[in-house]
């Protein structure tokens, strides 16, 4: 029951929105770890509470699995020490990222089962629930992946962030690629 009270306490807090500048200002692993240690429990607690807000969520096996993943990660993040080295913390973050691999599929299956319960769990409910849940998850995974890249020195000095990347050009190229595929398969080129 102590963990439930702790989750409730953290769920009352709001996640801190992060800009690209915020992420780039934390390029030392210890600094990124300090931020994650305070921020990730808030984000995981928020997702735990969202699951708990679904009536009879315990009857949907996929929600139970996702709930347990989040509760285990919350508990690990709250109990791991970042001193004298970041090794234990890094292992917890790595497991948290690895555990998230099946969450999208599990949530899709859970929402499908929830829709079968009745119209109150229709597309409007599912869209709103998944928008919040998955946006929270995406932001968390980006921050944790950035930390792992810094801690493991796998992506260079800026982690997963490529300061030379032109995001607008990437989007333009993706739009051109979609247009090409549509034209190839439908003989129509959409305007993007």
N, C-alpha and C. Protein backbone atom coordinates (compact mmCIF):
# COMPACT_ATOMS: atom_id res chain seq x y z
N UNK A 1 0.81 -1.21 0.00
CA UNK A 1 0.00 0.00 0.00
C UNK A 1 0.85 1.27 0.00
N UNK A 2 2.09 1.18 0.48
CA UNK A 2 2.96 2.35 0.45
C UNK A 2 3.19 2.83 -0.97
N UNK A 3 3.33 1.88 -1.89
CA UNK A 3 3.58 2.26 -3.28
C UNK A 3 2.37 2.97 -3.87
N UNK A 4 1.17 2.54 -3.48
CA UNK A 4 -0.05 3.19 -3.97
C UNK A 4 -0.12 4.64 -3.50
N UNK A 5 0.25 4.89 -2.26
CA UNK A 5 0.26 6.26 -1.74
C UNK A 5 1.31 7.10 -2.45
N UNK A 6 2.45 6.48 -2.73
CA UNK A 6 3.52 7.20 -3.42
C UNK A 6 3.10 7.53 -4.85
N UNK A 7 2.47 6.58 -5.52
CA UNK A 7 1.96 6.83 -6.88
C UNK A 7 0.96 7.98 -6.84
N UNK A 8 0.06 7.95 -5.87
CA UNK A 8 -0.95 9.01 -5.75
C UNK A 8 -0.29 10.37 -5.56
N UNK A 9 0.75 10.41 -4.74
CA UNK A 9 1.47 11.67 -4.50
C UNK A 9 2.10 12.20 -5.79
N UNK A 10 2.74 11.32 -6.54
CA UNK A 10 3.40 11.74 -7.78
C UNK A 10 2.40 12.04 -8.89
N UNK A 11 1.27 11.35 -8.88
CA UNK A 11 0.26 11.59 -9.91
C UNK A 11 -0.35 12.98 -9.78
N UNK A 12 -0.29 13.57 -8.60
CA UNK A 12 -0.80 14.93 -8.41
C UNK A 12 0.13 15.98 -9.03
N UNK A 13 1.38 15.59 -9.24
CA UNK A 13 2.34 16.51 -9.85
C UNK A 13 2.13 16.50 -11.37
N UNK A 14 2.54 17.53 -12.01
CA UNK A 14 2.42 17.60 -13.47
C UNK A 14 3.78 17.42 -14.12
N UNK A 15 3.83 16.65 -15.22
CA UNK A 15 5.10 16.51 -15.94
C UNK A 15 5.59 17.88 -16.41
N UNK A 16 6.90 18.02 -16.47
CA UNK A 16 7.49 19.27 -16.94
C UNK A 16 7.68 19.18 -18.46
N UNK A 17 7.03 20.07 -19.21
CA UNK A 17 7.25 20.06 -20.66
C UNK A 17 8.71 20.37 -20.95
N UNK A 18 9.29 19.66 -21.89
CA UNK A 18 10.71 19.85 -22.22
C UNK A 18 10.84 20.32 -23.65
N UNK A 19 11.61 21.35 -23.83
CA UNK A 19 11.93 21.80 -25.18
C UNK A 19 13.21 21.11 -25.64
N UNK A 20 13.50 21.23 -26.91
CA UNK A 20 14.75 20.70 -27.42
C UNK A 20 15.93 21.36 -26.72
N UNK A 21 15.79 22.65 -26.44
CA UNK A 21 16.84 23.37 -25.72
C UNK A 21 17.06 22.82 -24.33
N UNK A 22 15.98 22.43 -23.65
CA UNK A 22 16.11 21.82 -22.32
C UNK A 22 16.90 20.52 -22.40
N UNK A 23 16.58 19.72 -23.40
CA UNK A 23 17.24 18.42 -23.54
C UNK A 23 18.73 18.63 -23.85
N UNK A 24 19.04 19.57 -24.73
CA UNK A 24 20.43 19.81 -25.11
C UNK A 24 21.21 20.46 -23.97
N UNK A 25 20.52 21.08 -23.03
CA UNK A 25 21.24 21.68 -21.90
C UNK A 25 21.64 20.64 -20.85
N UNK A 26 21.21 19.40 -21.02
CA UNK A 26 21.54 18.32 -20.08
C UNK A 26 22.36 17.24 -20.78
N UNK A 27 23.53 17.60 -21.28
CA UNK A 27 24.32 16.65 -22.05
C UNK A 27 25.27 15.82 -21.19
N UNK A 28 25.41 16.16 -19.91
CA UNK A 28 26.21 15.34 -19.02
C UNK A 28 25.30 14.27 -18.44
N UNK A 29 25.73 13.00 -18.47
CA UNK A 29 24.86 11.93 -17.96
C UNK A 29 24.35 12.17 -16.54
N UNK A 30 25.17 12.69 -15.65
CA UNK A 30 24.72 12.90 -14.27
C UNK A 30 23.59 13.92 -14.21
N UNK A 31 23.67 14.94 -15.06
CA UNK A 31 22.62 15.97 -15.07
C UNK A 31 21.32 15.41 -15.65
N UNK A 32 21.45 14.64 -16.74
CA UNK A 32 20.27 14.01 -17.34
C UNK A 32 19.65 13.01 -16.36
N UNK A 33 20.49 12.27 -15.64
CA UNK A 33 20.00 11.30 -14.65
C UNK A 33 19.25 12.00 -13.53
N UNK A 34 19.76 13.11 -13.09
CA UNK A 34 19.10 13.88 -12.02
C UNK A 34 17.71 14.32 -12.48
N UNK A 35 17.62 14.81 -13.71
CA UNK A 35 16.33 15.23 -14.24
C UNK A 35 15.38 14.04 -14.36
N UNK A 36 15.86 12.93 -14.92
CA UNK A 36 15.01 11.74 -15.07
C UNK A 36 14.54 11.22 -13.73
N UNK A 37 15.40 11.22 -12.75
CA UNK A 37 15.04 10.70 -11.43
C UNK A 37 13.88 11.48 -10.82
N UNK A 38 13.78 12.75 -11.15
CA UNK A 38 12.66 13.53 -10.62
C UNK A 38 11.45 13.52 -11.55
N UNK A 39 11.69 13.45 -12.86
CA UNK A 39 10.61 13.57 -13.84
C UNK A 39 9.90 12.26 -14.17
N UNK A 40 10.64 11.19 -14.33
CA UNK A 40 10.02 9.93 -14.78
C UNK A 40 9.00 9.37 -13.80
N UNK A 41 9.22 9.42 -12.48
CA UNK A 41 8.16 8.93 -11.59
C UNK A 41 6.84 9.70 -11.77
N UNK A 42 6.92 10.98 -12.06
CA UNK A 42 5.71 11.77 -12.29
C UNK A 42 4.99 11.26 -13.53
N UNK A 43 5.73 11.04 -14.59
CA UNK A 43 5.12 10.59 -15.85
C UNK A 43 4.56 9.17 -15.73
N UNK A 44 5.29 8.28 -15.07
CA UNK A 44 4.79 6.91 -14.91
C UNK A 44 3.58 6.90 -13.97
N UNK A 45 3.60 7.70 -12.92
CA UNK A 45 2.45 7.77 -12.01
C UNK A 45 1.21 8.28 -12.73
N UNK A 46 1.39 9.25 -13.61
CA UNK A 46 0.26 9.78 -14.37
C UNK A 46 -0.36 8.69 -15.24
N UNK A 47 0.47 7.89 -15.90
CA UNK A 47 -0.07 6.80 -16.72
C UNK A 47 -0.72 5.71 -15.87
N UNK A 48 -0.15 5.43 -14.72
CA UNK A 48 -0.77 4.46 -13.79
C UNK A 48 -2.16 4.94 -13.41
N UNK A 49 -2.29 6.20 -13.06
CA UNK A 49 -3.59 6.76 -12.67
C UNK A 49 -4.58 6.74 -13.83
N UNK A 50 -4.11 6.99 -15.04
CA UNK A 50 -5.01 6.92 -16.20
C UNK A 50 -5.57 5.52 -16.35
N UNK A 51 -4.73 4.52 -16.19
CA UNK A 51 -5.23 3.14 -16.27
C UNK A 51 -6.24 2.89 -15.16
N UNK A 52 -5.92 3.31 -13.95
CA UNK A 52 -6.82 3.11 -12.81
C UNK A 52 -8.15 3.84 -12.99
N UNK A 53 -8.18 4.85 -13.84
CA UNK A 53 -9.42 5.60 -14.05
C UNK A 53 -10.41 4.86 -14.93
N UNK A 54 -9.96 3.81 -15.60
CA UNK A 54 -10.83 3.03 -16.47
C UNK A 54 -11.65 2.08 -15.59
N UNK A 55 -12.97 2.17 -15.63
CA UNK A 55 -13.79 1.27 -14.81
C UNK A 55 -13.48 -0.20 -15.12
N UNK A 56 -13.28 -0.97 -14.08
CA UNK A 56 -13.01 -2.42 -14.19
C UNK A 56 -11.80 -2.73 -15.07
N UNK A 57 -10.79 -1.88 -14.99
CA UNK A 57 -9.59 -2.08 -15.80
C UNK A 57 -8.93 -3.42 -15.50
N UNK A 58 -9.10 -3.90 -14.27
CA UNK A 58 -8.47 -5.16 -13.87
C UNK A 58 -9.01 -6.35 -14.66
N UNK A 59 -10.14 -6.18 -15.35
CA UNK A 59 -10.74 -7.27 -16.12
C UNK A 59 -10.19 -7.34 -17.56
N UNK A 60 -9.32 -6.42 -17.91
CA UNK A 60 -8.74 -6.40 -19.25
C UNK A 60 -7.26 -6.79 -19.10
N UNK A 61 -6.93 -8.03 -19.48
CA UNK A 61 -5.56 -8.54 -19.24
C UNK A 61 -4.45 -7.64 -19.77
N UNK A 62 -4.65 -7.02 -20.92
CA UNK A 62 -3.61 -6.16 -21.49
C UNK A 62 -3.39 -4.91 -20.63
N UNK A 63 -4.46 -4.38 -20.06
CA UNK A 63 -4.30 -3.23 -19.17
C UNK A 63 -3.57 -3.64 -17.90
N UNK A 64 -3.84 -4.84 -17.42
CA UNK A 64 -3.15 -5.34 -16.23
C UNK A 64 -1.65 -5.45 -16.50
N UNK A 65 -1.29 -5.98 -17.66
CA UNK A 65 0.13 -6.11 -18.01
C UNK A 65 0.78 -4.72 -18.08
N UNK A 66 0.15 -3.79 -18.78
CA UNK A 66 0.71 -2.44 -18.91
C UNK A 66 0.79 -1.77 -17.54
N UNK A 67 -0.23 -1.94 -16.73
CA UNK A 67 -0.23 -1.38 -15.37
C UNK A 67 0.96 -1.91 -14.58
N UNK A 68 1.16 -3.22 -14.62
CA UNK A 68 2.26 -3.83 -13.87
C UNK A 68 3.62 -3.37 -14.37
N UNK A 69 3.76 -3.21 -15.68
CA UNK A 69 5.01 -2.67 -16.24
C UNK A 69 5.28 -1.29 -15.65
N UNK A 70 4.26 -0.46 -15.65
CA UNK A 70 4.43 0.91 -15.16
C UNK A 70 4.67 0.96 -13.65
N UNK A 71 3.98 0.12 -12.91
CA UNK A 71 4.17 0.09 -11.47
C UNK A 71 5.59 -0.40 -11.13
N UNK A 72 6.06 -1.43 -11.81
CA UNK A 72 7.41 -1.94 -11.57
C UNK A 72 8.45 -0.86 -11.89
N UNK A 73 8.25 -0.16 -13.01
CA UNK A 73 9.20 0.88 -13.38
C UNK A 73 9.16 2.03 -12.38
N UNK A 74 7.97 2.43 -11.97
CA UNK A 74 7.84 3.50 -10.98
C UNK A 74 8.61 3.13 -9.71
N UNK A 75 8.38 1.92 -9.22
CA UNK A 75 9.03 1.45 -8.00
C UNK A 75 10.55 1.44 -8.18
N UNK A 76 11.03 0.96 -9.32
CA UNK A 76 12.47 0.90 -9.57
C UNK A 76 13.09 2.29 -9.64
N UNK A 77 12.41 3.21 -10.32
CA UNK A 77 12.93 4.57 -10.42
C UNK A 77 12.99 5.26 -9.07
N UNK A 78 12.03 4.96 -8.22
CA UNK A 78 12.00 5.58 -6.89
C UNK A 78 13.03 4.98 -5.94
N UNK A 79 13.45 3.76 -6.19
CA UNK A 79 14.35 3.11 -5.23
C UNK A 79 15.81 3.06 -5.66
N UNK A 80 16.10 3.29 -6.93
CA UNK A 80 17.48 3.16 -7.41
C UNK A 80 18.32 4.35 -6.96
N UNK A 81 19.59 4.06 -6.68
CA UNK A 81 20.52 5.10 -6.27
C UNK A 81 21.39 5.52 -7.45
N UNK A 82 21.67 6.79 -7.54
CA UNK A 82 22.52 7.30 -8.62
C UNK A 82 23.97 7.48 -8.16
N UNK A 83 24.28 7.05 -6.97
CA UNK A 83 25.64 7.19 -6.43
C UNK A 83 26.12 5.86 -5.90
N UNK A 84 27.35 5.54 -5.96
CA UNK A 84 28.49 6.36 -6.37
C UNK A 84 28.65 6.44 -7.90
N UNK A 85 27.98 5.51 -8.63
CA UNK A 85 28.03 5.59 -10.10
C UNK A 85 26.60 5.57 -10.64
N UNK A 86 26.46 5.79 -11.93
CA UNK A 86 25.14 5.77 -12.56
C UNK A 86 24.78 4.38 -13.09
N UNK A 87 25.59 3.38 -12.83
CA UNK A 87 25.37 2.05 -13.40
C UNK A 87 24.00 1.47 -13.06
N UNK A 88 23.62 1.49 -11.79
CA UNK A 88 22.32 0.92 -11.39
C UNK A 88 21.18 1.73 -11.99
N UNK A 89 21.31 3.05 -11.99
CA UNK A 89 20.28 3.91 -12.57
C UNK A 89 20.14 3.64 -14.07
N UNK A 90 21.26 3.51 -14.75
CA UNK A 90 21.25 3.24 -16.18
C UNK A 90 20.56 1.91 -16.47
N UNK A 91 20.81 0.91 -15.65
CA UNK A 91 20.16 -0.40 -15.84
C UNK A 91 18.65 -0.28 -15.66
N UNK A 92 18.20 0.51 -14.70
CA UNK A 92 16.75 0.71 -14.49
C UNK A 92 16.14 1.42 -15.69
N UNK A 93 16.80 2.44 -16.19
CA UNK A 93 16.28 3.18 -17.35
C UNK A 93 16.26 2.28 -18.58
N UNK A 94 17.30 1.49 -18.77
CA UNK A 94 17.33 0.56 -19.92
C UNK A 94 16.17 -0.42 -19.84
N UNK A 95 15.92 -0.97 -18.67
CA UNK A 95 14.80 -1.91 -18.53
C UNK A 95 13.48 -1.19 -18.78
N UNK A 96 13.36 0.04 -18.31
CA UNK A 96 12.13 0.82 -18.53
C UNK A 96 11.86 1.00 -20.02
N UNK A 97 12.91 1.33 -20.77
CA UNK A 97 12.76 1.50 -22.22
C UNK A 97 12.41 0.16 -22.87
N UNK A 98 13.12 -0.88 -22.49
CA UNK A 98 12.86 -2.21 -23.05
C UNK A 98 11.43 -2.67 -22.75
N UNK A 99 10.97 -2.41 -21.54
CA UNK A 99 9.62 -2.82 -21.14
C UNK A 99 8.53 -2.11 -21.93
N UNK A 100 8.85 -0.96 -22.50
CA UNK A 100 7.86 -0.18 -23.25
C UNK A 100 7.62 -0.70 -24.67
N UNK A 101 8.45 -1.63 -25.13
CA UNK A 101 8.35 -2.08 -26.53
C UNK A 101 6.98 -2.63 -26.90
N UNK A 102 6.31 -3.32 -26.02
CA UNK A 102 5.03 -3.93 -26.34
C UNK A 102 3.83 -3.10 -25.87
N UNK A 103 4.08 -1.97 -25.24
CA UNK A 103 2.99 -1.20 -24.63
C UNK A 103 1.99 -0.69 -25.66
N UNK A 104 2.44 -0.20 -26.80
CA UNK A 104 1.51 0.33 -27.80
C UNK A 104 0.57 -0.77 -28.28
N UNK A 105 1.14 -1.93 -28.61
CA UNK A 105 0.31 -3.05 -29.06
C UNK A 105 -0.67 -3.48 -27.96
N UNK A 106 -0.19 -3.58 -26.73
CA UNK A 106 -1.05 -3.98 -25.62
C UNK A 106 -2.18 -2.96 -25.40
N UNK A 107 -1.85 -1.68 -25.50
CA UNK A 107 -2.87 -0.65 -25.31
C UNK A 107 -3.90 -0.68 -26.44
N UNK A 108 -3.46 -0.94 -27.66
CA UNK A 108 -4.40 -1.05 -28.78
C UNK A 108 -5.36 -2.21 -28.55
N UNK A 109 -4.84 -3.35 -28.12
CA UNK A 109 -5.69 -4.50 -27.83
C UNK A 109 -6.64 -4.20 -26.67
N UNK A 110 -6.13 -3.54 -25.64
CA UNK A 110 -6.96 -3.19 -24.49
C UNK A 110 -8.09 -2.24 -24.89
N UNK A 111 -7.78 -1.25 -25.72
CA UNK A 111 -8.81 -0.30 -26.15
C UNK A 111 -9.86 -0.98 -27.03
N UNK A 112 -9.43 -1.94 -27.83
CA UNK A 112 -10.38 -2.70 -28.64
C UNK A 112 -11.36 -3.45 -27.72
N UNK A 113 -10.85 -4.09 -26.70
CA UNK A 113 -11.70 -4.81 -25.75
C UNK A 113 -12.60 -3.84 -24.98
N UNK A 114 -12.05 -2.68 -24.66
CA UNK A 114 -12.84 -1.68 -23.93
C UNK A 114 -14.00 -1.19 -24.79
N UNK A 115 -13.77 -1.00 -26.08
CA UNK A 115 -14.84 -0.56 -26.99
C UNK A 115 -16.01 -1.54 -27.00
N UNK A 116 -15.72 -2.81 -26.81
CA UNK A 116 -16.77 -3.83 -26.81
C UNK A 116 -17.69 -3.72 -25.60
N UNK A 117 -17.29 -2.96 -24.60
CA UNK A 117 -18.10 -2.80 -23.38
C UNK A 117 -19.31 -1.89 -23.60
N UNK A 118 -19.22 -1.03 -24.59
CA UNK A 118 -20.36 -0.15 -24.82
C UNK A 118 -19.96 1.19 -25.39
N UNK A 119 -20.96 1.98 -25.75
CA UNK A 119 -20.70 3.25 -26.44
C UNK A 119 -19.93 4.28 -25.59
N UNK A 120 -20.00 4.18 -24.27
CA UNK A 120 -19.25 5.14 -23.45
C UNK A 120 -17.74 4.96 -23.61
N UNK A 121 -17.33 3.83 -24.18
CA UNK A 121 -15.92 3.57 -24.45
C UNK A 121 -15.65 3.55 -25.96
N UNK A 122 -16.36 4.37 -26.67
CA UNK A 122 -16.23 4.44 -28.12
C UNK A 122 -15.02 5.24 -28.55
N UNK A 123 -15.01 5.60 -29.83
CA UNK A 123 -13.84 6.29 -30.40
C UNK A 123 -13.45 7.58 -29.68
N UNK A 124 -14.41 8.35 -29.22
CA UNK A 124 -14.07 9.61 -28.54
C UNK A 124 -13.29 9.32 -27.25
N UNK A 125 -13.75 8.33 -26.48
CA UNK A 125 -13.05 7.96 -25.24
C UNK A 125 -11.66 7.43 -25.56
N UNK A 126 -11.60 6.49 -26.51
CA UNK A 126 -10.32 5.86 -26.86
C UNK A 126 -9.33 6.89 -27.38
N UNK A 127 -9.78 7.78 -28.27
CA UNK A 127 -8.89 8.80 -28.82
C UNK A 127 -8.31 9.69 -27.72
N UNK A 128 -9.16 10.17 -26.84
CA UNK A 128 -8.70 11.05 -25.77
C UNK A 128 -7.75 10.32 -24.83
N UNK A 129 -8.12 9.10 -24.45
CA UNK A 129 -7.29 8.32 -23.53
C UNK A 129 -5.92 8.05 -24.14
N UNK A 130 -5.91 7.51 -25.36
CA UNK A 130 -4.64 7.16 -25.99
C UNK A 130 -3.80 8.38 -26.36
N UNK A 131 -4.44 9.49 -26.73
CA UNK A 131 -3.68 10.70 -27.02
C UNK A 131 -2.83 11.10 -25.82
N UNK A 132 -3.46 11.16 -24.65
CA UNK A 132 -2.73 11.54 -23.44
C UNK A 132 -1.71 10.50 -23.03
N UNK A 133 -2.14 9.25 -23.01
CA UNK A 133 -1.28 8.16 -22.55
C UNK A 133 -0.06 8.01 -23.45
N UNK A 134 -0.28 7.96 -24.75
CA UNK A 134 0.82 7.72 -25.67
C UNK A 134 1.73 8.94 -25.85
N UNK A 135 1.18 10.13 -25.74
CA UNK A 135 2.02 11.32 -25.80
C UNK A 135 2.95 11.35 -24.59
N UNK A 136 2.42 11.03 -23.42
CA UNK A 136 3.23 10.94 -22.20
C UNK A 136 4.32 9.89 -22.40
N UNK A 137 3.94 8.73 -22.92
CA UNK A 137 4.88 7.63 -23.15
C UNK A 137 5.97 8.04 -24.14
N UNK A 138 5.57 8.67 -25.23
CA UNK A 138 6.54 9.08 -26.25
C UNK A 138 7.57 10.04 -25.66
N UNK A 139 7.10 11.05 -24.96
CA UNK A 139 8.02 12.01 -24.35
C UNK A 139 8.96 11.35 -23.36
N UNK A 140 8.42 10.44 -22.57
CA UNK A 140 9.24 9.71 -21.60
C UNK A 140 10.30 8.89 -22.31
N UNK A 141 9.91 8.19 -23.36
CA UNK A 141 10.87 7.34 -24.07
C UNK A 141 11.96 8.16 -24.75
N UNK A 142 11.61 9.32 -25.27
CA UNK A 142 12.63 10.18 -25.88
C UNK A 142 13.64 10.60 -24.81
N UNK A 143 13.15 11.04 -23.66
CA UNK A 143 14.05 11.48 -22.59
C UNK A 143 14.92 10.34 -22.07
N UNK A 144 14.32 9.15 -21.91
CA UNK A 144 15.11 8.01 -21.42
C UNK A 144 16.11 7.55 -22.47
N UNK A 145 15.72 7.56 -23.75
CA UNK A 145 16.65 7.18 -24.82
C UNK A 145 17.80 8.17 -24.92
N UNK A 146 17.51 9.44 -24.73
CA UNK A 146 18.55 10.46 -24.73
C UNK A 146 19.53 10.19 -23.59
N UNK A 147 19.01 9.91 -22.41
CA UNK A 147 19.89 9.61 -21.28
C UNK A 147 20.78 8.40 -21.59
N UNK A 148 20.18 7.32 -22.10
CA UNK A 148 20.96 6.12 -22.40
C UNK A 148 22.05 6.39 -23.43
N UNK A 149 21.73 7.20 -24.43
CA UNK A 149 22.73 7.55 -25.45
C UNK A 149 23.88 8.32 -24.83
N UNK A 150 23.57 9.20 -23.89
CA UNK A 150 24.63 9.97 -23.21
C UNK A 150 25.44 9.08 -22.28
N UNK A 151 24.75 8.26 -21.51
CA UNK A 151 25.42 7.41 -20.52
C UNK A 151 26.29 6.36 -21.19
N UNK A 152 25.82 5.82 -22.30
CA UNK A 152 26.55 4.76 -22.99
C UNK A 152 27.45 5.28 -24.11
N UNK A 153 27.41 6.58 -24.33
CA UNK A 153 28.23 7.23 -25.38
C UNK A 153 28.04 6.56 -26.75
N UNK A 154 26.78 6.30 -27.10
CA UNK A 154 26.50 5.58 -28.34
C UNK A 154 26.16 6.48 -29.53
N UNK A 155 25.89 7.76 -29.28
CA UNK A 155 25.42 8.62 -30.38
C UNK A 155 26.20 9.92 -30.51
N UNK A 156 27.29 10.06 -29.87
CA UNK A 156 28.03 11.32 -29.96
C UNK A 156 27.69 12.25 -28.82
N UNK A 157 28.27 13.43 -28.83
CA UNK A 157 28.17 14.34 -27.67
C UNK A 157 26.78 14.90 -27.41
N UNK A 158 25.89 14.86 -28.40
CA UNK A 158 24.54 15.41 -28.19
C UNK A 158 23.50 14.30 -28.04
N UNK A 159 23.93 13.08 -27.81
CA UNK A 159 22.99 11.99 -27.61
C UNK A 159 22.23 11.68 -28.89
N UNK A 160 20.91 11.49 -28.77
CA UNK A 160 20.10 11.15 -29.94
C UNK A 160 19.75 12.37 -30.77
N UNK A 161 20.15 13.53 -30.32
CA UNK A 161 19.83 14.78 -31.01
C UNK A 161 20.92 15.09 -32.04
N UNK A 162 20.49 15.32 -33.26
CA UNK A 162 21.41 15.71 -34.32
C UNK A 162 21.23 17.20 -34.56
N UNK A 163 22.15 18.02 -34.07
CA UNK A 163 21.99 19.47 -34.21
C UNK A 163 22.00 19.95 -35.66
N UNK A 164 22.48 19.10 -36.58
CA UNK A 164 22.51 19.48 -38.00
C UNK A 164 21.22 19.07 -38.72
N UNK A 165 20.35 18.37 -38.03
CA UNK A 165 19.12 17.90 -38.66
C UNK A 165 18.19 19.07 -38.97
N UNK A 166 17.69 19.09 -40.18
CA UNK A 166 16.70 20.08 -40.59
C UNK A 166 15.34 19.39 -40.55
N UNK A 167 14.64 19.54 -39.43
CA UNK A 167 13.37 18.83 -39.23
C UNK A 167 12.36 19.17 -40.32
N UNK A 168 12.33 20.41 -40.76
CA UNK A 168 11.39 20.80 -41.81
C UNK A 168 11.70 20.05 -43.10
N UNK A 169 12.99 19.90 -43.42
CA UNK A 169 13.36 19.17 -44.64
C UNK A 169 13.03 17.69 -44.52
N UNK A 170 13.20 17.13 -43.34
CA UNK A 170 12.82 15.73 -43.12
C UNK A 170 11.32 15.56 -43.38
N UNK A 171 10.51 16.48 -42.90
CA UNK A 171 9.06 16.42 -43.11
C UNK A 171 8.71 16.59 -44.59
N UNK A 172 9.38 17.53 -45.26
CA UNK A 172 9.13 17.73 -46.69
C UNK A 172 9.46 16.46 -47.47
N UNK A 173 10.58 15.82 -47.13
CA UNK A 173 10.97 14.59 -47.82
C UNK A 173 9.97 13.47 -47.54
N UNK A 174 9.51 13.37 -46.30
CA UNK A 174 8.51 12.35 -45.96
C UNK A 174 7.23 12.59 -46.77
N UNK A 175 6.82 13.86 -46.90
CA UNK A 175 5.62 14.18 -47.68
C UNK A 175 5.81 13.81 -49.14
N UNK A 176 6.99 14.09 -49.70
CA UNK A 176 7.27 13.69 -51.08
C UNK A 176 7.23 12.18 -51.24
N UNK A 177 7.78 11.47 -50.28
CA UNK A 177 7.77 10.00 -50.33
C UNK A 177 6.34 9.46 -50.31
N UNK A 178 5.49 10.05 -49.47
CA UNK A 178 4.08 9.63 -49.40
C UNK A 178 3.39 9.93 -50.73
N UNK A 179 3.65 11.10 -51.28
CA UNK A 179 3.07 11.44 -52.58
C UNK A 179 3.49 10.44 -53.64
N UNK A 180 4.77 10.07 -53.65
CA UNK A 180 5.27 9.10 -54.63
C UNK A 180 4.58 7.75 -54.49
N UNK A 181 4.44 7.27 -53.27
CA UNK A 181 3.80 5.97 -53.04
C UNK A 181 2.33 6.03 -53.46
N UNK A 182 1.64 7.11 -53.09
CA UNK A 182 0.22 7.25 -53.48
C UNK A 182 0.09 7.27 -55.00
N UNK A 183 0.96 8.02 -55.64
CA UNK A 183 0.89 8.11 -57.10
C UNK A 183 1.17 6.76 -57.74
N UNK A 184 2.12 6.03 -57.20
CA UNK A 184 2.47 4.73 -57.76
C UNK A 184 1.32 3.74 -57.62
N UNK A 185 0.63 3.74 -56.49
CA UNK A 185 -0.41 2.73 -56.23
C UNK A 185 -1.82 3.16 -56.63
N UNK A 186 -2.06 4.48 -56.69
CA UNK A 186 -3.43 4.94 -56.98
C UNK A 186 -3.53 5.80 -58.23
N UNK A 187 -2.39 6.18 -58.80
CA UNK A 187 -2.33 7.07 -59.96
C UNK A 187 -2.79 8.48 -59.61
N UNK A 188 -2.88 8.79 -58.31
CA UNK A 188 -3.21 10.14 -57.84
C UNK A 188 -2.11 10.61 -56.91
N UNK A 189 -1.74 11.87 -57.07
CA UNK A 189 -0.71 12.46 -56.23
C UNK A 189 -1.38 13.48 -55.32
N UNK A 190 -1.49 13.18 -54.03
CA UNK A 190 -2.16 14.13 -53.12
C UNK A 190 -1.34 15.41 -52.94
N UNK A 191 -2.03 16.47 -52.65
CA UNK A 191 -1.37 17.75 -52.37
C UNK A 191 -1.10 17.78 -50.87
N UNK A 192 0.14 17.99 -50.54
CA UNK A 192 0.53 18.01 -49.13
C UNK A 192 1.04 19.37 -48.79
